[in-house]
Amino acid sequence: GDVLLIVIDTLRADALSCYGNEGLTSPVLDALAADGLRFDEVLTQAPNTATSHATLFTGLYPWTHRVANLTSLEHGTAGLPPAFITLAERYAAAGYDTAAFTDGGPLGRAWNLMQGFDHLEGQFEGVEAKVDQTLAWLDAEGTDVDRDRRFVFLHTYQVHEPYLPPLEYRDRFNTNPGYDGPVLAAETEARALRTSGGEVEPNGKILFRDKADFVPADVRYLWDLYRGELAYTDAQLGRLFDELKARGEYDDMTIIVTSDHGEEFGEHGLFGHKQLYRETLRVPLIVKLPKGSFEDWRGEVVTERLNQVDVHATL
């Protein structure tokens, strides 16, 4: 059957309700976990997008593939050397049609991580657009009676800073509705920039601008914005899964949902993802198995510690 690999960039495990978050942040992914396997303690191999995805795609540790987040045009190197065989190349060699729908960055063409994908849409557009593009491609592919099986990679920066969820999701997870601090001011500015068509970089640090003076209420507001982004992303994935079910494609599909790294909210003095702590390294891993798999696996929670590098070999 088809294989769908979803990476929600910058998603730390304890933001999901099925990983213990006190808010119902991820009902869709919770249901996916109940329909498959949830791995409770998974550590990624690097707290950044390029290095982590290089490991995910090659099954090799960073000291072997040597892809650093400072790679590409910025430092005159071309990312992942072509000699490395990626997951997409393995699926293509096995007769799968391959497609990637990403929010860009190192997952555009320049970093060479997209080796093996026949079809790539790699512009920064957010999760809703990525779901639309995935469904449109599956539609087009579905009209080909001779089509092979499909390997699809969906990546989104939706929960990456700046955390600007739709207002209904922001308000749903706001545990401090009276908050009127510097993060709210920065959020308002970022939303105005985005509305006017100005550039709010996906990796911009506008919400962290006053971090040196943050008090607990500021950090809490940031965390709530982040949870709102996850809930919105979860709902969009629900739309994708519902469509797959309506088309009769969901049951036979293997679906893997994970992240490349987590996010720190000041627990060790920094915000974002640079340091090597559990907040930045522990990521979710949920695997929905195809119909006909061993039934006893449904809803199983695996507590043994695993590494993100293992996902490649498993697939």
C-alpha atoms as a PDB file:
ATOM      1  CA  GLY A   1       0.000   0.000   0.000  1.00  0.00           C
ATOM      2  CA  ASP A   2       0.850   3.683  -0.052  1.00  0.00           C
ATOM      3  CA  VAL A   3       3.137   5.294   2.542  1.00  0.00           C
ATOM      4  CA  LEU A   4       2.597   8.785   3.956  1.00  0.00           C
ATOM      5  CA  LEU A   5       5.363  10.327   6.082  1.00  0.00           C
ATOM      6  CA  ILE A   6       4.358  13.524   7.891  1.00  0.00           C
ATOM      7  CA  VAL A   7       6.869  15.728   9.709  1.00  0.00           C
ATOM      8  CA  ILE A   8       5.449  18.546  11.834  1.00  0.00           C
ATOM      9  CA  ASP A   9       8.571  20.652  12.134  1.00  0.00           C
ATOM     10  CA  THR A  10       9.542  21.926  15.621  1.00  0.00           C
ATOM     11  CA  LEU A  11       6.953  19.813  17.474  1.00  0.00           C
ATOM     12  CA  ARG A  12       8.029  18.619  20.911  1.00  0.00           C
ATOM     13  CA  ALA A  13       6.283  15.516  22.176  1.00  0.00           C
ATOM     14  CA  ASP A  14       4.669  16.915  25.333  1.00  0.00           C
ATOM     15  CA  ALA A  15       2.628  19.443  23.340  1.00  0.00           C
ATOM     16  CA  LEU A  16       0.346  16.603  22.147  1.00  0.00           C
ATOM     17  CA  SER A  17      -2.548  15.477  24.312  1.00  0.00           C
ATOM     18  CA  CYS A  18      -1.697  11.812  23.671  1.00  0.00           C
ATOM     19  CA  TYR A  19       1.747  12.570  25.139  1.00  0.00           C
ATOM     20  CA  GLY A  20       0.239  14.078  28.280  1.00  0.00           C
ATOM     21  CA  ASN A  21      -0.574  17.695  27.425  1.00  0.00           C
ATOM     22  CA  GLU A  22      -3.352  18.990  29.667  1.00  0.00           C
ATOM     23  CA  GLY A  23      -5.215  20.618  26.757  1.00  0.00           C
ATOM     24  CA  LEU A  24      -6.899  18.653  23.962  1.00  0.00           C
ATOM     25  CA  THR A  25      -4.326  19.815  21.430  1.00  0.00           C
ATOM     26  CA  SER A  26      -4.257  16.814  19.096  1.00  0.00           C
ATOM     27  CA  PRO A  27      -7.512  14.805  18.934  1.00  0.00           C
ATOM     28  CA  VAL A  28      -6.807  13.704  15.348  1.00  0.00           C
ATOM     29  CA  LEU A  29      -3.309  12.457  16.117  1.00  0.00           C
ATOM     30  CA  ASP A  30      -4.577  10.906  19.367  1.00  0.00           C
ATOM     31  CA  ALA A  31      -7.067   8.903  17.272  1.00  0.00           C
ATOM     32  CA  LEU A  32      -4.310   7.957  14.819  1.00  0.00           C
ATOM     33  CA  ALA A  33      -2.243   6.669  17.755  1.00  0.00           C
ATOM     34  CA  ALA A  34      -5.223   4.680  19.010  1.00  0.00           C
ATOM     35  CA  ASP A  35      -5.424   3.112  15.541  1.00  0.00           C
ATOM     36  CA  GLY A  36      -1.750   2.182  15.514  1.00  0.00           C
ATOM     37  CA  LEU A  37       1.414   2.511  17.586  1.00  0.00           C
ATOM     38  CA  ARG A  38       2.619   5.418  19.696  1.00  0.00           C
ATOM     39  CA  PHE A  39       6.285   5.531  20.627  1.00  0.00           C
ATOM     40  CA  ASP A  40       6.563   7.410  23.901  1.00  0.00           C
ATOM     41  CA  GLU A  41      10.282   8.156  24.142  1.00  0.00           C
ATOM     42  CA  VAL A  42      11.891   8.984  20.795  1.00  0.00           C
ATOM     43  CA  LEU A  43      15.009  11.153  20.550  1.00  0.00           C
ATOM     44  CA  THR A  44      15.939  12.943  17.355  1.00  0.00           C
ATOM     45  CA  GLN A  45      19.607  13.110  16.340  1.00  0.00           C
ATOM     46  CA  ALA A  46      19.877  16.905  16.089  1.00  0.00           C
ATOM     47  CA  PRO A  47      17.897  19.967  17.205  1.00  0.00           C
ATOM     48  CA  ASN A  48      17.643  21.450  13.696  1.00  0.00           C
ATOM     49  CA  THR A  49      15.807  20.803  10.441  1.00  0.00           C
ATOM     50  CA  ALA A  50      18.594  20.012   7.967  1.00  0.00           C
ATOM     51  CA  THR A  51      20.653  17.628  10.098  1.00  0.00           C
ATOM     52  CA  SER A  52      17.629  15.821  11.490  1.00  0.00           C
ATOM     53  CA  HIS A  53      15.977  15.287   8.104  1.00  0.00           C
ATOM     54  CA  ALA A  54      19.264  14.088   6.619  1.00  0.00           C
ATOM     55  CA  THR A  55      19.291  11.405   9.336  1.00  0.00           C
ATOM     56  CA  LEU A  56      15.595  10.602   8.811  1.00  0.00           C
ATOM     57  CA  PHE A  57      16.103  10.214   5.053  1.00  0.00           C
ATOM     58  CA  THR A  58      19.408   8.296   5.098  1.00  0.00           C
ATOM     59  CA  GLY A  59      19.217   6.302   8.340  1.00  0.00           C
ATOM     60  CA  LEU A  60      22.699   7.579   9.168  1.00  0.00           C
ATOM     61  CA  TYR A  61      23.993   9.562  12.109  1.00  0.00           C
ATOM     62  CA  PRO A  62      25.044  13.203  11.558  1.00  0.00           C
ATOM     63  CA  TRP A  63      28.777  12.417  11.783  1.00  0.00           C
ATOM     64  CA  THR A  64      28.354  10.197   8.716  1.00  0.00           C
ATOM     65  CA  HIS A  65      26.148  12.317   6.433  1.00  0.00           C
ATOM     66  CA  ARG A  66      27.757  15.586   7.654  1.00  0.00           C
ATOM     67  CA  VAL A  67      24.748  17.799   6.881  1.00  0.00           C
ATOM     68  CA  ALA A  68      24.824  20.785   9.228  1.00  0.00           C
ATOM     69  CA  ASN A  69      22.125  23.418   9.548  1.00  0.00           C
ATOM     70  CA  LEU A  70      24.732  25.920   8.335  1.00  0.00           C
ATOM     71  CA  THR A  71      25.032  24.129   5.011  1.00  0.00           C
ATOM     72  CA  SER A  72      23.874  25.132   1.534  1.00  0.00           C
ATOM     73  CA  LEU A  73      24.498  28.385  -0.298  1.00  0.00           C
ATOM     74  CA  GLU A  74      25.287  30.195   2.941  1.00  0.00           C
ATOM     75  CA  HIS A  75      28.532  28.241   3.343  1.00  0.00           C
ATOM     76  CA  GLY A  76      29.180  27.243  -0.237  1.00  0.00           C
ATOM     77  CA  THR A  77      28.355  23.553   0.147  1.00  0.00           C
ATOM     78  CA  ALA A  78      25.474  21.692  -1.393  1.00  0.00           C
ATOM     79  CA  GLY A  79      23.874  19.891   1.532  1.00  0.00           C
ATOM     80  CA  LEU A  80      23.538  16.127   1.306  1.00  0.00           C
ATOM     81  CA  PRO A  81      26.113  14.606  -1.102  1.00  0.00           C
ATOM     82  CA  PRO A  82      24.394  12.804  -4.013  1.00  0.00           C
ATOM     83  CA  ALA A  83      26.157   9.526  -3.184  1.00  0.00           C
ATOM     84  CA  PHE A  84      23.929   9.002  -0.141  1.00  0.00           C
ATOM     85  CA  ILE A  85      20.807   6.929  -0.839  1.00  0.00           C
ATOM     86  CA  THR A  86      17.654   8.498   0.574  1.00  0.00           C
ATOM     87  CA  LEU A  87      14.353   6.967   1.640  1.00  0.00           C
ATOM     88  CA  ALA A  88      12.679   8.492  -1.438  1.00  0.00           C
ATOM     89  CA  GLU A  89      15.319   6.957  -3.710  1.00  0.00           C
ATOM     90  CA  ARG A  90      14.740   3.550  -2.126  1.00  0.00           C
ATOM     91  CA  TYR A  91      10.970   3.840  -2.616  1.00  0.00           C
ATOM     92  CA  ALA A  92      11.441   5.033  -6.212  1.00  0.00           C
ATOM     93  CA  ALA A  93      13.728   2.061  -6.918  1.00  0.00           C
ATOM     94  CA  ALA A  94      11.021  -0.222  -5.503  1.00  0.00           C
ATOM     95  CA  GLY A  95       8.520   1.139  -8.039  1.00  0.00           C
ATOM     96  CA  TYR A  96       6.770   3.783  -5.947  1.00  0.00           C
ATOM     97  CA  ASP A  97       5.716   7.173  -7.281  1.00  0.00           C
ATOM     98  CA  THR A  98       7.296   9.728  -4.938  1.00  0.00           C
ATOM     99  CA  ALA A  99       6.148  13.227  -4.011  1.00  0.00           C
ATOM    100  CA  ALA A 100       7.062  15.806  -1.366  1.00  0.00           C
ATOM    101  CA  PHE A 101       5.009  18.779  -0.189  1.00  0.00           C
ATOM    102  CA  THR A 102       7.169  20.905   2.095  1.00  0.00           C
ATOM    103  CA  ASP A 103       7.352  24.368   3.607  1.00  0.00           C
ATOM    104  CA  GLY A 104      10.810  24.822   2.090  1.00  0.00           C
ATOM    105  CA  GLY A 105      13.950  25.889   3.936  1.00  0.00           C
ATOM    106  CA  PRO A 106      16.395  22.965   3.826  1.00  0.00           C
ATOM    107  CA  LEU A 107      13.541  20.947   2.288  1.00  0.00           C
ATOM    108  CA  GLY A 108      13.633  22.932  -0.928  1.00  0.00           C
ATOM    109  CA  ARG A 109      15.942  21.858  -3.765  1.00  0.00           C
ATOM    110  CA  ALA A 110      19.135  23.715  -2.751  1.00  0.00           C
ATOM    111  CA  TRP A 111      20.091  21.474   0.175  1.00  0.00           C
ATOM    112  CA  ASN A 112      19.827  18.277  -1.856  1.00  0.00           C
ATOM    113  CA  LEU A 113      17.717  16.473   0.773  1.00  0.00           C
ATOM    114  CA  MET A 114      14.964  15.941  -1.808  1.00  0.00           C
ATOM    115  CA  GLN A 115      16.902  13.322  -3.792  1.00  0.00           C
ATOM    116  CA  GLY A 116      14.480  10.702  -5.092  1.00  0.00           C
ATOM    117  CA  PHE A 117      11.279  12.762  -5.095  1.00  0.00           C
ATOM    118  CA  ASP A 118       9.786  12.875  -8.607  1.00  0.00           C
ATOM    119  CA  HIS A 119       7.423  15.665  -7.603  1.00  0.00           C
ATOM    120  CA  LEU A 120       8.272  18.502  -5.185  1.00  0.00           C
ATOM    121  CA  GLU A 121       6.313  21.528  -4.056  1.00  0.00           C
ATOM    122  CA  GLY A 122       8.622  23.281  -1.609  1.00  0.00           C
ATOM    123  CA  GLN A 123       7.333  26.797  -0.946  1.00  0.00           C
ATOM    124  CA  PHE A 124       6.645  28.181   2.529  1.00  0.00           C
ATOM    125  CA  GLU A 125       2.825  28.214   2.621  1.00  0.00           C
ATOM    126  CA  GLY A 126       1.649  26.487   5.808  1.00  0.00           C
ATOM    127  CA  VAL A 127      -0.160  23.269   6.604  1.00  0.00           C
ATOM    128  CA  GLU A 128      -3.470  24.022   4.865  1.00  0.00           C
ATOM    129  CA  ALA A 129      -1.724  24.511   1.510  1.00  0.00           C
ATOM    130  CA  LYS A 130       0.380  21.375   2.020  1.00  0.00           C
ATOM    131  CA  VAL A 131      -2.740  19.288   2.651  1.00  0.00           C
ATOM    132  CA  ASP A 132      -4.404  20.772  -0.450  1.00  0.00           C
ATOM    133  CA  GLN A 133      -1.345  20.013  -2.589  1.00  0.00           C
ATOM    134  CA  THR A 134      -1.100  16.461  -1.276  1.00  0.00           C
ATOM    135  CA  LEU A 135      -4.754  15.755  -2.035  1.00  0.00           C
ATOM    136  CA  ALA A 136      -4.501  17.337  -5.503  1.00  0.00           C
ATOM    137  CA  TRP A 137      -1.473  15.172  -6.357  1.00  0.00           C
ATOM    138  CA  LEU A 138      -3.152  12.010  -5.040  1.00  0.00           C
ATOM    139  CA  ASP A 139      -6.191  12.901  -7.161  1.00  0.00           C
ATOM    140  CA  ALA A 140      -4.091  13.292 -10.294  1.00  0.00           C
ATOM    141  CA  GLU A 141      -2.156  10.110  -9.569  1.00  0.00           C
ATOM    142  CA  GLY A 142      -5.379   8.227  -8.833  1.00  0.00           C
ATOM    143  CA  THR A 143      -6.585   8.779 -12.405  1.00  0.00           C
ATOM    144  CA  ASP A 144      -3.648   6.722 -13.705  1.00  0.00           C
ATOM    145  CA  VAL A 145      -4.918   3.134 -13.858  1.00  0.00           C
ATOM    146  CA  ASP A 146      -1.355   1.862 -14.197  1.00  0.00           C
ATOM    147  CA  ARG A 147      -0.023   3.839 -11.227  1.00  0.00           C
ATOM    148  CA  ASP A 148       2.415   2.226  -8.861  1.00  0.00           C
ATOM    149  CA  ARG A 149       2.229   2.558  -5.118  1.00  0.00           C
ATOM    150  CA  ARG A 150       2.984   5.994  -3.716  1.00  0.00           C
ATOM    151  CA  PHE A 151       5.403   7.395  -1.147  1.00  0.00           C
ATOM    152  CA  VAL A 152       4.369  10.867   0.000  1.00  0.00           C
ATOM    153  CA  PHE A 153       6.259  13.216   2.317  1.00  0.00           C
ATOM    154  CA  LEU A 154       4.363  16.109   3.890  1.00  0.00           C
ATOM    155  CA  HIS A 155       6.308  18.711   5.897  1.00  0.00           C
ATOM    156  CA  THR A 156       5.093  21.926   7.511  1.00  0.00           C
ATOM    157  CA  TYR A 157       6.644  24.751   9.534  1.00  0.00           C
ATOM    158  CA  GLN A 158       3.182  25.591  10.916  1.00  0.00           C
ATOM    159  CA  VAL A 159       4.173  25.195  14.592  1.00  0.00           C
ATOM    160  CA  HIS A 160       7.589  26.867  14.078  1.00  0.00           C
ATOM    161  CA  GLU A 161       8.077  30.360  15.497  1.00  0.00           C
ATOM    162  CA  PRO A 162       6.527  32.887  14.955  1.00  0.00           C
ATOM    163  CA  TYR A 163       3.522  31.115  16.496  1.00  0.00           C
ATOM    164  CA  LEU A 164       0.570  32.813  14.794  1.00  0.00           C
ATOM    165  CA  PRO A 165      -2.338  30.341  14.879  1.00  0.00           C
ATOM    166  CA  PRO A 166      -5.757  31.344  13.533  1.00  0.00           C
ATOM    167  CA  LEU A 167      -7.468  33.448  16.211  1.00  0.00           C
ATOM    168  CA  GLU A 168     -10.010  30.772  17.154  1.00  0.00           C
ATOM    169  CA  TYR A 169      -7.155  28.383  17.999  1.00  0.00           C
ATOM    170  CA  ARG A 170      -5.210  31.061  19.826  1.00  0.00           C
ATOM    171  CA  ASP A 171      -8.218  31.898  21.975  1.00  0.00           C
ATOM    172  CA  ARG A 172      -9.104  28.252  22.636  1.00  0.00           C
ATOM    173  CA  PHE A 173      -5.744  27.569  24.276  1.00  0.00           C
ATOM    174  CA  ASN A 174      -5.182  30.904  25.990  1.00  0.00           C
ATOM    175  CA  THR A 175      -4.894  30.047  29.707  1.00  0.00           C
ATOM    176  CA  ASN A 176      -4.420  33.721  30.599  1.00  0.00           C
ATOM    177  CA  PRO A 177      -6.985  35.819  28.680  1.00  0.00           C
ATOM    178  CA  GLY A 178      -6.028  38.950  30.652  1.00  0.00           C
ATOM    179  CA  TYR A 179      -2.418  38.819  29.423  1.00  0.00           C
ATOM    180  CA  ASP A 180      -1.144  42.142  28.054  1.00  0.00           C
ATOM    181  CA  GLY A 181       2.652  41.729  27.930  1.00  0.00           C
ATOM    182  CA  PRO A 182       5.464  41.990  25.370  1.00  0.00           C
ATOM    183  CA  VAL A 183       4.631  38.710  23.606  1.00  0.00           C
ATOM    184  CA  LEU A 184       1.124  39.991  22.801  1.00  0.00           C
ATOM    185  CA  ALA A 185       2.635  43.224  21.417  1.00  0.00           C
ATOM    186  CA  ALA A 186       5.066  41.234  19.251  1.00  0.00           C
ATOM    187  CA  GLU A 187       2.290  38.861  18.115  1.00  0.00           C
ATOM    188  CA  THR A 188       0.087  41.823  17.113  1.00  0.00           C
ATOM    189  CA  GLU A 189       2.968  43.306  15.134  1.00  0.00           C
ATOM    190  CA  ALA A 190       3.728  39.997  13.417  1.00  0.00           C
ATOM    191  CA  ARG A 191       0.066  39.461  12.472  1.00  0.00           C
ATOM    192  CA  ALA A 192      -0.111  42.995  11.017  1.00  0.00           C
ATOM    193  CA  LEU A 193       3.053  42.312   9.003  1.00  0.00           C
ATOM    194  CA  ARG A 194       1.623  39.077   7.675  1.00  0.00           C
ATOM    195  CA  THR A 195      -1.729  40.702   6.798  1.00  0.00           C
ATOM    196  CA  SER A 196      -0.005  43.523   4.900  1.00  0.00           C
ATOM    197  CA  GLY A 197       2.058  41.029   2.928  1.00  0.00           C
ATOM    198  CA  GLY A 198       5.226  41.916   4.814  1.00  0.00           C
ATOM    199  CA  GLU A 199       7.866  39.307   5.493  1.00  0.00           C
ATOM    200  CA  VAL A 200       7.509  37.417   8.747  1.00  0.00           C
ATOM    201  CA  GLU A 201      10.285  34.881   8.361  1.00  0.00           C
ATOM    202  CA  PRO A 202       9.267  31.341   9.320  1.00  0.00           C
ATOM    203  CA  ASN A 203      12.409  31.266  11.424  1.00  0.00           C
ATOM    204  CA  GLY A 204      12.138  34.881  12.553  1.00  0.00           C
ATOM    205  CA  LYS A 205      12.481  35.517  16.277  1.00  0.00           C
ATOM    206  CA  ILE A 206      10.009  38.380  16.594  1.00  0.00           C
ATOM    207  CA  LEU A 207       8.066  36.764  19.466  1.00  0.00           C
ATOM    208  CA  PHE A 208      11.299  36.160  21.400  1.00  0.00           C
ATOM    209  CA  ARG A 209      12.458  39.777  21.045  1.00  0.00           C
ATOM    210  CA  ASP A 210      12.077  40.697  24.727  1.00  0.00           C
ATOM    211  CA  LYS A 211      13.088  37.291  26.078  1.00  0.00           C
ATOM    212  CA  ALA A 212      15.720  38.728  28.449  1.00  0.00           C
ATOM    213  CA  ASP A 213      12.882  40.315  30.462  1.00  0.00           C
ATOM    214  CA  PHE A 214      10.295  37.515  30.206  1.00  0.00           C
ATOM    215  CA  VAL A 215       8.289  36.627  33.307  1.00  0.00           C
ATOM    216  CA  PRO A 216       6.319  33.353  33.662  1.00  0.00           C
ATOM    217  CA  ALA A 217       3.158  34.920  32.149  1.00  0.00           C
ATOM    218  CA  ASP A 218       5.063  35.748  28.951  1.00  0.00           C
ATOM    219  CA  VAL A 219       6.375  32.202  28.604  1.00  0.00           C
ATOM    220  CA  ARG A 220       2.906  30.797  29.288  1.00  0.00           C
ATOM    221  CA  TYR A 221       1.404  32.965  26.548  1.00  0.00           C
ATOM    222  CA  LEU A 222       4.089  31.750  24.095  1.00  0.00           C
ATOM    223  CA  TRP A 223       3.400  28.118  25.020  1.00  0.00           C
ATOM    224  CA  ASP A 224      -0.338  28.654  24.498  1.00  0.00           C
ATOM    225  CA  LEU A 225       0.257  30.157  21.041  1.00  0.00           C
ATOM    226  CA  TYR A 226       2.410  27.147  20.196  1.00  0.00           C
ATOM    227  CA  ARG A 227      -0.311  24.749  21.365  1.00  0.00           C
ATOM    228  CA  GLY A 228      -2.821  26.668  19.234  1.00  0.00           C
ATOM    229  CA  GLU A 229      -0.630  26.117  16.174  1.00  0.00           C
ATOM    230  CA  LEU A 230      -0.508  22.391  16.939  1.00  0.00           C
ATOM    231  CA  ALA A 231      -4.294  22.185  17.325  1.00  0.00           C
ATOM    232  CA  TYR A 232      -4.778  23.966  13.984  1.00  0.00           C
ATOM    233  CA  THR A 233      -2.250  21.634  12.318  1.00  0.00           C
ATOM    234  CA  ASP A 234      -3.999  18.642  13.872  1.00  0.00           C
ATOM    235  CA  ALA A 235      -7.352  19.796  12.450  1.00  0.00           C
ATOM    236  CA  GLN A 236      -5.838  20.176   8.972  1.00  0.00           C
ATOM    237  CA  LEU A 237      -4.410  16.653   9.172  1.00  0.00           C
ATOM    238  CA  GLY A 238      -7.910  15.555  10.179  1.00  0.00           C
ATOM    239  CA  ARG A 239      -9.155  17.017   6.908  1.00  0.00           C
ATOM    240  CA  LEU A 240      -6.481  15.031   5.049  1.00  0.00           C
ATOM    241  CA  PHE A 241      -7.289  11.763   6.834  1.00  0.00           C
ATOM    242  CA  ASP A 242     -11.054  12.244   6.328  1.00  0.00           C
ATOM    243  CA  GLU A 243     -10.477  12.721   2.591  1.00  0.00           C
ATOM    244  CA  LEU A 244      -8.301   9.596   2.452  1.00  0.00           C
ATOM    245  CA  LYS A 245     -11.055   7.646   4.233  1.00  0.00           C
ATOM    246  CA  ALA A 246     -13.711   9.004   1.860  1.00  0.00           C
ATOM    247  CA  ARG A 247     -11.622   7.801  -1.103  1.00  0.00           C
ATOM    248  CA  GLY A 248     -11.065   4.381   0.421  1.00  0.00           C
ATOM    249  CA  GLU A 249      -7.279   4.949   0.581  1.00  0.00           C
ATOM    250  CA  TYR A 250      -6.775   5.297   4.339  1.00  0.00           C
ATOM    251  CA  ASP A 251      -7.050   1.661   5.463  1.00  0.00           C
ATOM    252  CA  ASP A 252      -4.277   0.269   3.280  1.00  0.00           C
ATOM    253  CA  MET A 253      -1.951   3.227   3.853  1.00  0.00           C
ATOM    254  CA  THR A 254       0.963   3.272   6.297  1.00  0.00           C
ATOM    255  CA  ILE A 255       1.007   6.702   7.979  1.00  0.00           C
ATOM    256  CA  ILE A 256       3.933   7.932  10.071  1.00  0.00           C
ATOM    257  CA  VAL A 257       3.741  11.224  11.982  1.00  0.00           C
ATOM    258  CA  THR A 258       6.821  12.614  13.689  1.00  0.00           C
ATOM    259  CA  SER A 259       8.929  15.746  14.069  1.00  0.00           C
ATOM    260  CA  ASP A 260      12.521  16.695  13.351  1.00  0.00           C
ATOM    261  CA  HIS A 261      13.134  18.328  16.747  1.00  0.00           C
ATOM    262  CA  GLY A 262      11.317  19.972  19.635  1.00  0.00           C
ATOM    263  CA  GLU A 263      11.327  23.492  21.048  1.00  0.00           C
ATOM    264  CA  GLU A 264      12.607  25.110  24.219  1.00  0.00           C
ATOM    265  CA  PHE A 265      10.574  27.644  26.175  1.00  0.00           C
ATOM    266  CA  GLY A 266      13.253  28.993  28.461  1.00  0.00           C
ATOM    267  CA  GLU A 267      13.665  25.779  30.475  1.00  0.00           C
ATOM    268  CA  HIS A 268      17.451  25.997  30.080  1.00  0.00           C
ATOM    269  CA  GLY A 269      17.837  29.703  29.475  1.00  0.00           C
ATOM    270  CA  LEU A 270      17.016  29.815  25.757  1.00  0.00           C
ATOM    271  CA  PHE A 271      14.010  29.851  23.438  1.00  0.00           C
ATOM    272  CA  GLY A 272      13.855  28.006  20.131  1.00  0.00           C
ATOM    273  CA  HIS A 273      15.962  24.958  19.229  1.00  0.00           C
ATOM    274  CA  LYS A 274      19.718  25.034  19.507  1.00  0.00           C
ATOM    275  CA  GLN A 275      20.578  23.192  22.718  1.00  0.00           C
ATOM    276  CA  LEU A 276      20.721  19.460  23.452  1.00  0.00           C
ATOM    277  CA  TYR A 277      17.999  18.938  26.051  1.00  0.00           C
ATOM    278  CA  ARG A 278      14.950  16.709  26.220  1.00  0.00           C
ATOM    279  CA  GLU A 279      12.702  19.640  25.247  1.00  0.00           C
ATOM    280  CA  THR A 280      14.517  19.944  21.907  1.00  0.00           C
ATOM    281  CA  LEU A 281      15.301  16.262  21.287  1.00  0.00           C
ATOM    282  CA  ARG A 282      12.180  14.339  22.362  1.00  0.00           C
ATOM    283  CA  VAL A 283       9.756  14.114  19.451  1.00  0.00           C
ATOM    284  CA  PRO A 284       6.455  12.309  18.834  1.00  0.00           C
ATOM    285  CA  LEU A 285       6.350   9.200  16.675  1.00  0.00           C
ATOM    286  CA  ILE A 286       2.987   7.710  15.693  1.00  0.00           C
ATOM    287  CA  VAL A 287       2.659   4.869  13.185  1.00  0.00           C
ATOM    288  CA  LYS A 288      -0.691   3.850  11.683  1.00  0.00           C
ATOM    289  CA  LEU A 289      -0.267   0.399  10.158  1.00  0.00           C
ATOM    290  CA  PRO A 290      -2.076  -0.821   7.041  1.00  0.00           C
ATOM    291  CA  LYS A 291      -5.196  -2.966   7.306  1.00  0.00           C
ATOM    292  CA  GLY A 292      -4.351  -6.592   7.902  1.00  0.00           C
ATOM    293  CA  SER A 293      -1.496  -5.843  10.295  1.00  0.00           C
ATOM    294  CA  PHE A 294      -1.328  -7.644  13.612  1.00  0.00           C
ATOM    295  CA  GLU A 295      -4.443  -6.395  15.476  1.00  0.00           C
ATOM    296  CA  ASP A 296      -2.832  -6.541  18.908  1.00  0.00           C
ATOM    297  CA  TRP A 297      -0.617  -3.625  17.845  1.00  0.00           C
ATOM    298  CA  ARG A 298      -3.559  -1.229  17.614  1.00  0.00           C
ATOM    299  CA  GLY A 299      -3.393   1.319  20.427  1.00  0.00           C
ATOM    300  CA  GLU A 300      -0.086  -0.043  21.725  1.00  0.00           C
ATOM    301  CA  VAL A 301       2.276   2.392  23.464  1.00  0.00           C
ATOM    302  CA  VAL A 302       5.959   1.512  23.143  1.00  0.00           C
ATOM    303  CA  THR A 303       7.884   2.849  26.135  1.00  0.00           C
ATOM    304  CA  GLU A 304      11.357   1.656  25.175  1.00  0.00           C
ATOM    305  CA  ARG A 305      13.586   4.580  24.199  1.00  0.00           C
ATOM    306  CA  LEU A 306      14.185   4.776  20.444  1.00  0.00           C
ATOM    307  CA  ASN A 307      16.078   7.066  18.098  1.00  0.00           C
ATOM    308  CA  GLN A 308      14.743   8.965  15.085  1.00  0.00           C
ATOM    309  CA  VAL A 309      17.500   7.309  13.018  1.00  0.00           C
ATOM    310  CA  ASP A 310      15.572   4.030  13.360  1.00  0.00           C
ATOM    311  CA  VAL A 311      12.578   5.289  11.343  1.00  0.00           C
ATOM    312  CA  HIS A 312      14.463   4.898   8.045  1.00  0.00           C
ATOM    313  CA  ALA A 313      15.336   1.236   8.672  1.00  0.00           C
ATOM    314  CA  THR A 314      11.793   0.509   9.854  1.00  0.00           C
ATOM    315  CA  LEU A 315      10.231   1.907   6.675  1.00  0.00           C
END
